């Protein structure tokens, strides 16, 4: 189990440093498929994403909602790897946040809220290259998904190779 400090550092890392997420879904044959995507981690460890409705990953999540989302990045400045258990790669521990969960489609209002909130926040930070989309465009061409977490793992947020893993039980 983690202390609040590791969880806070992991949330901050995802929001401020990690950037794109890697999203793993299953295709029609049951094979894992990985893609890079924008995904937003909430305080309760749910993950929100808004994607073009035509993307295969949206259909894959409708068919099989099991998903793994992960964000990775450079090791923390204070990272050490003093006693590797198997191989000494000569490297410190990268930061990685894994969220395994179940994807649920968002209705039109929730999809718009997620899109609008993150679009406004990113534009305010100077990220203005994406087109501005209105509600009608989002309703017609985009799909929102919320991933309800079931398992979380944090690596690179503790001492050395220490990792933190916990499960979250569904509320219903």
Protein backbone atom coordinates (compact mmCIF):
# COMPACT_ATOMS: atom_id res chain seq x y z
CA UNK A 1 0.00 0.00 0.00
CA UNK A 2 1.16 3.55 -0.61
CA UNK A 3 1.27 6.59 1.53
CA UNK A 4 -0.56 9.62 0.23
CA UNK A 5 2.79 11.06 -0.89
CA UNK A 6 3.44 8.43 -3.59
CA UNK A 7 -0.10 8.74 -4.89
CA UNK A 8 0.15 12.54 -4.99
CA UNK A 9 3.50 12.37 -6.80
CA UNK A 10 2.09 9.87 -9.32
CA UNK A 11 -0.98 12.00 -10.06
CA UNK A 12 1.20 15.08 -10.50
CA UNK A 13 3.60 13.16 -12.76
CA UNK A 14 0.75 12.04 -15.06
CA UNK A 15 -0.76 15.52 -15.23
CA UNK A 16 2.43 17.56 -15.57
CA UNK A 17 5.17 15.36 -17.04
CA UNK A 18 4.05 12.12 -18.67
CA UNK A 19 2.03 13.45 -21.60
CA UNK A 20 0.43 10.80 -23.78
CA UNK A 21 -0.85 7.54 -22.37
CA UNK A 22 -0.43 4.08 -23.83
CA UNK A 23 -3.79 2.31 -24.05
CA UNK A 24 -3.95 -1.48 -24.40
CA UNK A 25 -7.19 -3.06 -25.60
CA UNK A 26 -8.09 -6.39 -27.23
CA UNK A 27 -8.93 -6.75 -30.91
CA UNK A 28 -11.68 -9.00 -32.34
CA UNK A 29 -9.34 -12.02 -32.19
CA UNK A 30 -8.45 -11.32 -28.55
CA UNK A 31 -4.93 -10.05 -29.31
CA UNK A 32 -3.60 -7.13 -27.31
CA UNK A 33 -3.39 -3.87 -29.23
CA UNK A 34 -1.46 -0.87 -27.93
CA UNK A 35 -1.91 2.72 -29.00
CA UNK A 36 -0.74 6.12 -27.85
CA UNK A 37 -3.63 8.38 -26.91
CA UNK A 38 -4.62 11.36 -24.82
CA UNK A 39 -6.13 10.19 -21.56
CA UNK A 40 -6.78 12.13 -18.38
CA UNK A 41 -6.28 10.68 -14.90
CA UNK A 42 -8.76 11.90 -12.27
CA UNK A 43 -8.20 12.15 -8.50
CA UNK A 44 -10.24 8.98 -7.95
CA UNK A 45 -8.00 7.08 -10.46
CA UNK A 46 -10.71 6.94 -13.11
CA UNK A 47 -9.43 7.77 -16.59
CA UNK A 48 -11.34 9.88 -19.11
CA UNK A 49 -10.73 10.00 -22.83
CA UNK A 50 -12.50 11.50 -25.81
CA UNK A 51 -11.65 9.95 -29.17
CA UNK A 52 -13.03 10.09 -32.68
CA UNK A 53 -15.96 7.68 -32.71
CA UNK A 54 -14.57 5.97 -35.83
CA UNK A 55 -11.36 4.77 -34.06
CA UNK A 56 -11.04 1.02 -33.70
CA UNK A 57 -10.22 1.36 -30.02
CA UNK A 58 -13.72 2.73 -29.37
CA UNK A 59 -15.26 -0.36 -30.98
CA UNK A 60 -12.80 -2.61 -29.15
CA UNK A 61 -13.81 -1.10 -25.82
CA UNK A 62 -17.50 -1.50 -26.65
CA UNK A 63 -16.90 -5.20 -27.35
CA UNK A 64 -14.50 -5.84 -24.45
CA UNK A 65 -14.24 -3.10 -21.84
CA UNK A 66 -11.11 -4.49 -20.18
CA UNK A 67 -8.30 -2.00 -20.69
CA UNK A 68 -4.85 -1.09 -19.39
CA UNK A 69 -3.72 2.54 -19.50
CA UNK A 70 -0.18 3.52 -18.63
CA UNK A 71 1.92 6.64 -18.50
CA UNK A 72 5.70 6.43 -18.38
CA UNK A 73 8.57 8.85 -18.23
CA UNK A 74 12.04 9.68 -17.06
CA UNK A 75 13.15 8.59 -13.60
CA UNK A 76 12.61 11.06 -10.79
CA UNK A 77 15.65 13.20 -9.98
CA UNK A 78 16.14 11.29 -6.71
CA UNK A 79 15.76 7.81 -8.28
CA UNK A 80 18.34 5.18 -7.32
CA UNK A 81 18.79 1.53 -8.21
CA UNK A 82 21.35 0.40 -5.65
CA UNK A 83 20.48 -3.28 -5.49
CA UNK A 84 18.87 -4.70 -8.64
CA UNK A 85 17.34 -8.13 -8.00
CA UNK A 86 18.19 -9.78 -11.34
CA UNK A 87 20.16 -7.62 -13.78
CA UNK A 88 22.17 -4.44 -13.34
CA UNK A 89 21.24 -2.33 -16.37
CA UNK A 90 23.14 0.66 -15.05
CA UNK A 91 19.93 2.70 -15.01
CA UNK A 92 17.64 4.24 -12.46
CA UNK A 93 13.96 3.33 -12.20
CA UNK A 94 11.61 5.06 -14.69
CA UNK A 95 8.32 6.40 -13.43
CA UNK A 96 5.30 4.42 -14.62
CA UNK A 97 1.63 4.60 -13.63
CA UNK A 98 -0.57 1.66 -14.65
CA UNK A 99 -4.36 1.72 -14.40
CA UNK A 100 -6.20 -1.48 -15.32
CA UNK A 101 -9.94 -1.15 -15.42
CA UNK A 102 -13.23 -1.43 -17.22
CA UNK A 103 -14.24 1.09 -19.87
CA UNK A 104 -17.74 2.54 -19.81
CA UNK A 105 -19.10 4.80 -22.56
CA UNK A 106 -19.95 8.35 -21.56
CA UNK A 107 -23.22 9.93 -22.62
CA UNK A 108 -23.19 13.07 -24.80
CA UNK A 109 -23.28 15.50 -21.86
CA UNK A 110 -20.38 13.80 -20.03
CA UNK A 111 -18.37 13.52 -23.26
CA UNK A 112 -18.83 17.24 -23.91
CA UNK A 113 -17.88 18.08 -20.30
CA UNK A 114 -14.63 16.08 -20.51
CA UNK A 115 -13.75 17.51 -23.93
CA UNK A 116 -14.58 21.09 -22.98
CA UNK A 117 -12.81 21.01 -19.58
CA UNK A 118 -9.56 19.60 -20.96
CA UNK A 119 -9.63 21.63 -24.15
CA UNK A 120 -10.04 24.87 -22.18
CA UNK A 121 -7.28 23.89 -19.72
CA UNK A 122 -4.84 22.96 -22.49
CA UNK A 123 -5.60 26.09 -24.52
CA UNK A 124 -5.07 28.26 -21.45
CA UNK A 125 -1.63 26.64 -21.10
CA UNK A 126 -0.80 27.69 -24.68
CA UNK A 127 -1.52 24.39 -26.44
CA UNK A 128 -3.63 25.75 -29.30
CA UNK A 129 -2.80 23.61 -32.36
CA UNK A 130 -5.86 21.35 -32.11
CA UNK A 131 -9.02 22.68 -33.76
CA UNK A 132 -11.69 24.25 -31.58
CA UNK A 133 -14.71 21.98 -31.74
CA UNK A 134 -18.27 22.92 -30.89
CA UNK A 135 -20.81 20.79 -29.08
CA UNK A 136 -22.47 19.60 -32.33
CA UNK A 137 -19.12 18.35 -33.70
CA UNK A 138 -18.32 16.49 -30.47
CA UNK A 139 -21.81 14.96 -30.36
CA UNK A 140 -21.65 13.82 -33.98
CA UNK A 141 -18.05 12.63 -34.33
CA UNK A 142 -16.58 11.77 -30.93
CA UNK A 143 -17.02 9.17 -28.21
CA UNK A 144 -16.18 9.61 -24.55
CA UNK A 145 -15.06 6.77 -22.33
CA UNK A 146 -14.46 6.58 -18.58
CA UNK A 147 -12.25 3.80 -17.33
CA UNK A 148 -13.24 2.64 -13.89
CA UNK A 149 -10.07 1.44 -12.15
CA UNK A 150 -9.74 -2.05 -10.72
CA UNK A 151 -5.94 -2.28 -10.26
CA UNK A 152 -3.29 0.41 -9.91
CA UNK A 153 0.51 0.05 -9.93
CA UNK A 154 3.07 2.80 -9.39
CA UNK A 155 6.76 2.32 -10.17
CA UNK A 156 9.53 4.87 -9.63
CA UNK A 157 7.74 6.85 -6.92
CA UNK A 158 9.26 5.17 -3.86
CA UNK A 159 12.77 4.29 -2.74
CA UNK A 160 14.91 2.34 -5.18
CA UNK A 161 12.89 -0.25 -7.05
CA UNK A 162 9.99 -0.04 -4.58
CA UNK A 163 6.59 -0.28 -6.25
CA UNK A 164 3.03 0.14 -5.02
CA UNK A 165 0.03 -1.91 -6.14
CA UNK A 166 -3.57 -1.89 -4.95
CA UNK A 167 -6.98 -2.95 -6.13
CA UNK A 168 -10.19 -0.98 -6.23
CA UNK A 169 -13.49 -2.80 -5.83
CA UNK A 170 -16.41 -1.73 -8.02
CA UNK A 171 -18.93 0.42 -6.18
CA UNK A 172 -21.93 -1.43 -7.63
